[in-house]
Every structure is written in structure tokens, then in C-alpha cells.
Amino acid sequence: MADQTLDVRKVDGEPFDSIMTALEGLDDAETLELVNSFEPEPLYFVLDQRGFSHETEQVEEDEWHVRIEEA
């Protein structure tokens, strides 16, 4: 279970800033569950570069969950 959840399907416009803000707000060892309507493949490189690991699961045709934590 994630410590925080961010459903970017509810974000008006580009969700990148909301995702980065949520990640910056995590305490050590906390995880963020990102919910999106598609697999956010471009985000993976950014996460890797910023020291985060991720696991992705497709739960429905148009719903993806990405669990993010510090690597």
C-alpha cells in the first residue's frame, strides 16, 4: 500500500509539475502511487535520473498504477 496517492486523471493540463511536487513531499521510505489513464513511459527516465524506482501495473484498459519510491 502506498503512503500517498496521486490520480493525475483529475489534473487539469500537464500533470508533470503535480507529480514532481508530490515526489518532493515524500518523506524517506514513503511511496507514491500514481494513477494514470495510460502508461507514463516518458516519466520513467525522469524518475531514474532523480533517484526513484518504480513498478507499473495495468489494472484496467485505461488505468495504470505506478508505485514510486526512492531507489
N, C-alpha and C. Protein backbone atom coordinates (compact mmCIF):
# COMPACT_ATOMS: atom_id res chain seq x y z
N MET A 1 0.84 -1.18 0.00
CA MET A 1 0.00 0.00 0.00
C MET A 1 0.89 1.25 0.00
N ALA A 2 0.54 2.21 -0.79
CA ALA A 2 1.31 3.44 -0.91
C ALA A 2 0.96 4.40 0.23
N ASP A 3 1.92 5.26 0.58
CA ASP A 3 1.70 6.26 1.61
C ASP A 3 0.85 7.42 1.07
N GLN A 4 1.03 7.75 -0.21
CA GLN A 4 0.27 8.81 -0.85
C GLN A 4 -0.20 8.34 -2.23
N THR A 5 -1.32 8.85 -2.67
CA THR A 5 -1.84 8.53 -4.00
C THR A 5 -2.10 9.84 -4.74
N LEU A 6 -1.69 9.85 -6.00
CA LEU A 6 -1.96 11.00 -6.86
C LEU A 6 -2.63 10.48 -8.13
N ASP A 7 -3.88 10.85 -8.32
CA ASP A 7 -4.63 10.46 -9.50
C ASP A 7 -4.54 11.61 -10.51
N VAL A 8 -3.62 11.48 -11.46
CA VAL A 8 -3.40 12.57 -12.41
C VAL A 8 -4.48 12.64 -13.48
N ARG A 9 -5.39 11.70 -13.48
CA ARG A 9 -6.53 11.79 -14.40
C ARG A 9 -7.40 12.99 -14.01
N LYS A 10 -7.26 13.46 -12.77
CA LYS A 10 -8.06 14.58 -12.28
C LYS A 10 -7.33 15.92 -12.40
N VAL A 11 -6.09 15.88 -12.88
CA VAL A 11 -5.30 17.11 -13.01
C VAL A 11 -5.66 17.78 -14.33
N ASP A 12 -5.96 19.06 -14.26
CA ASP A 12 -6.29 19.83 -15.46
C ASP A 12 -4.99 20.26 -16.13
N GLY A 13 -4.72 19.76 -17.32
CA GLY A 13 -3.50 20.11 -18.03
C GLY A 13 -2.39 19.09 -17.80
N GLU A 14 -1.17 19.50 -18.06
CA GLU A 14 0.01 18.66 -17.95
C GLU A 14 0.26 18.30 -16.48
N PRO A 15 0.34 17.01 -16.13
CA PRO A 15 0.48 16.62 -14.72
C PRO A 15 1.91 16.57 -14.19
N PHE A 16 2.91 16.86 -15.02
CA PHE A 16 4.30 16.68 -14.61
C PHE A 16 4.63 17.45 -13.32
N ASP A 17 4.25 18.71 -13.24
CA ASP A 17 4.55 19.51 -12.05
C ASP A 17 3.87 18.95 -10.81
N SER A 18 2.67 18.47 -10.95
CA SER A 18 1.96 17.86 -9.81
C SER A 18 2.68 16.61 -9.33
N ILE A 19 3.17 15.83 -10.27
CA ILE A 19 3.91 14.61 -9.92
C ILE A 19 5.20 14.96 -9.19
N MET A 20 5.96 15.92 -9.71
CA MET A 20 7.22 16.31 -9.09
C MET A 20 7.00 16.90 -7.70
N THR A 21 5.94 17.69 -7.54
CA THR A 21 5.62 18.26 -6.23
C THR A 21 5.28 17.16 -5.23
N ALA A 22 4.51 16.18 -5.66
CA ALA A 22 4.16 15.05 -4.78
C ALA A 22 5.41 14.27 -4.39
N LEU A 23 6.31 14.06 -5.33
CA LEU A 23 7.54 13.31 -5.02
C LEU A 23 8.43 14.08 -4.06
N GLU A 24 8.52 15.39 -4.23
CA GLU A 24 9.32 16.22 -3.33
C GLU A 24 8.76 16.21 -1.92
N GLY A 25 7.46 15.99 -1.79
CA GLY A 25 6.82 15.98 -0.48
C GLY A 25 6.91 14.65 0.26
N LEU A 26 7.47 13.64 -0.38
CA LEU A 26 7.60 12.34 0.28
C LEU A 26 8.69 12.38 1.35
N ASP A 27 8.41 11.75 2.47
CA ASP A 27 9.45 11.54 3.48
C ASP A 27 10.25 10.31 3.09
N ASP A 28 11.38 10.12 3.75
CA ASP A 28 12.19 8.93 3.49
C ASP A 28 11.35 7.68 3.67
N ALA A 29 11.52 6.75 2.76
CA ALA A 29 10.85 5.44 2.78
C ALA A 29 9.36 5.51 2.46
N GLU A 30 8.82 6.67 2.14
CA GLU A 30 7.42 6.74 1.73
C GLU A 30 7.30 6.44 0.24
N THR A 31 6.13 6.00 -0.16
CA THR A 31 5.88 5.69 -1.56
C THR A 31 4.70 6.51 -2.07
N LEU A 32 4.74 6.74 -3.38
CA LEU A 32 3.65 7.46 -4.06
C LEU A 32 3.06 6.51 -5.09
N GLU A 33 1.75 6.39 -5.07
CA GLU A 33 1.05 5.64 -6.11
C GLU A 33 0.44 6.63 -7.08
N LEU A 34 0.93 6.59 -8.30
CA LEU A 34 0.46 7.44 -9.37
C LEU A 34 -0.59 6.68 -10.17
N VAL A 35 -1.74 7.28 -10.38
CA VAL A 35 -2.82 6.67 -11.16
C VAL A 35 -2.96 7.49 -12.43
N ASN A 36 -2.93 6.80 -13.57
CA ASN A 36 -2.97 7.48 -14.86
C ASN A 36 -3.83 6.68 -15.83
N SER A 37 -4.25 7.32 -16.89
CA SER A 37 -5.09 6.65 -17.89
C SER A 37 -4.27 5.95 -18.97
N PHE A 38 -2.95 6.11 -18.91
CA PHE A 38 -2.06 5.43 -19.86
C PHE A 38 -0.73 5.18 -19.16
N GLU A 39 0.08 4.29 -19.72
CA GLU A 39 1.38 4.03 -19.13
C GLU A 39 2.28 5.24 -19.37
N PRO A 40 2.77 5.87 -18.31
CA PRO A 40 3.55 7.10 -18.46
C PRO A 40 5.04 6.83 -18.74
N GLU A 41 5.30 6.18 -19.84
CA GLU A 41 6.66 5.78 -20.17
C GLU A 41 7.66 6.94 -20.18
N PRO A 42 7.33 8.13 -20.68
CA PRO A 42 8.31 9.23 -20.64
C PRO A 42 8.74 9.61 -19.22
N LEU A 43 7.90 9.34 -18.24
CA LEU A 43 8.20 9.68 -16.86
C LEU A 43 9.31 8.78 -16.28
N TYR A 44 9.44 7.58 -16.78
CA TYR A 44 10.39 6.62 -16.20
C TYR A 44 11.82 7.13 -16.23
N PHE A 45 12.24 7.74 -17.31
CA PHE A 45 13.59 8.27 -17.42
C PHE A 45 13.83 9.36 -16.37
N VAL A 46 12.85 10.24 -16.21
CA VAL A 46 12.96 11.31 -15.22
C VAL A 46 13.07 10.72 -13.82
N LEU A 47 12.25 9.72 -13.52
CA LEU A 47 12.31 9.09 -12.20
C LEU A 47 13.69 8.48 -11.96
N ASP A 48 14.20 7.77 -12.95
CA ASP A 48 15.53 7.16 -12.81
C ASP A 48 16.59 8.22 -12.57
N GLN A 49 16.53 9.32 -13.30
CA GLN A 49 17.51 10.39 -13.16
C GLN A 49 17.45 11.06 -11.79
N ARG A 50 16.29 11.05 -11.17
CA ARG A 50 16.10 11.72 -9.87
C ARG A 50 16.20 10.75 -8.69
N GLY A 51 16.61 9.50 -8.97
CA GLY A 51 16.86 8.55 -7.89
C GLY A 51 15.65 7.80 -7.38
N PHE A 52 14.63 7.65 -8.21
CA PHE A 52 13.43 6.92 -7.82
C PHE A 52 13.34 5.61 -8.60
N SER A 53 12.76 4.61 -7.97
CA SER A 53 12.44 3.37 -8.67
C SER A 53 10.93 3.32 -8.82
N HIS A 54 10.46 2.46 -9.72
CA HIS A 54 9.02 2.39 -9.96
C HIS A 54 8.61 0.98 -10.38
N GLU A 55 7.38 0.65 -10.08
CA GLU A 55 6.74 -0.58 -10.55
C GLU A 55 5.41 -0.17 -11.14
N THR A 56 5.11 -0.71 -12.31
CA THR A 56 3.90 -0.31 -13.02
C THR A 56 2.97 -1.51 -13.17
N GLU A 57 1.69 -1.26 -12.99
CA GLU A 57 0.68 -2.31 -13.16
C GLU A 57 -0.50 -1.72 -13.93
N GLN A 58 -0.93 -2.41 -14.96
CA GLN A 58 -2.14 -2.02 -15.67
C GLN A 58 -3.30 -2.73 -14.99
N VAL A 59 -4.23 -1.97 -14.41
CA VAL A 59 -5.34 -2.56 -13.67
C VAL A 59 -6.63 -2.62 -14.48
N GLU A 60 -6.72 -1.77 -15.50
CA GLU A 60 -7.83 -1.79 -16.45
C GLU A 60 -7.29 -1.32 -17.79
N GLU A 61 -8.10 -1.40 -18.82
CA GLU A 61 -7.63 -0.99 -20.15
C GLU A 61 -7.10 0.44 -20.15
N ASP A 62 -7.76 1.31 -19.39
CA ASP A 62 -7.37 2.71 -19.38
C ASP A 62 -6.99 3.20 -17.98
N GLU A 63 -6.43 2.29 -17.17
CA GLU A 63 -5.99 2.68 -15.83
C GLU A 63 -4.68 1.98 -15.48
N TRP A 64 -3.69 2.80 -15.20
CA TRP A 64 -2.36 2.32 -14.85
C TRP A 64 -1.99 2.85 -13.47
N HIS A 65 -1.34 2.01 -12.65
CA HIS A 65 -0.86 2.42 -11.36
C HIS A 65 0.66 2.29 -11.35
N VAL A 66 1.34 3.35 -10.95
CA VAL A 66 2.80 3.35 -10.89
C VAL A 66 3.17 3.63 -9.43
N ARG A 67 3.81 2.65 -8.81
CA ARG A 67 4.27 2.80 -7.42
C ARG A 67 5.71 3.32 -7.47
N ILE A 68 5.93 4.47 -6.85
CA ILE A 68 7.22 5.16 -6.94
C ILE A 68 7.80 5.32 -5.53
N GLU A 69 9.11 5.03 -5.44
CA GLU A 69 9.81 5.21 -4.16
C GLU A 69 11.27 5.54 -4.44
N GLU A 70 11.95 6.05 -3.42
CA GLU A 70 13.37 6.34 -3.60
C GLU A 70 14.12 5.04 -3.82
N ALA A 71 15.07 5.07 -4.75
CA ALA A 71 15.84 3.86 -5.07
C ALA A 71 16.87 3.59 -3.99
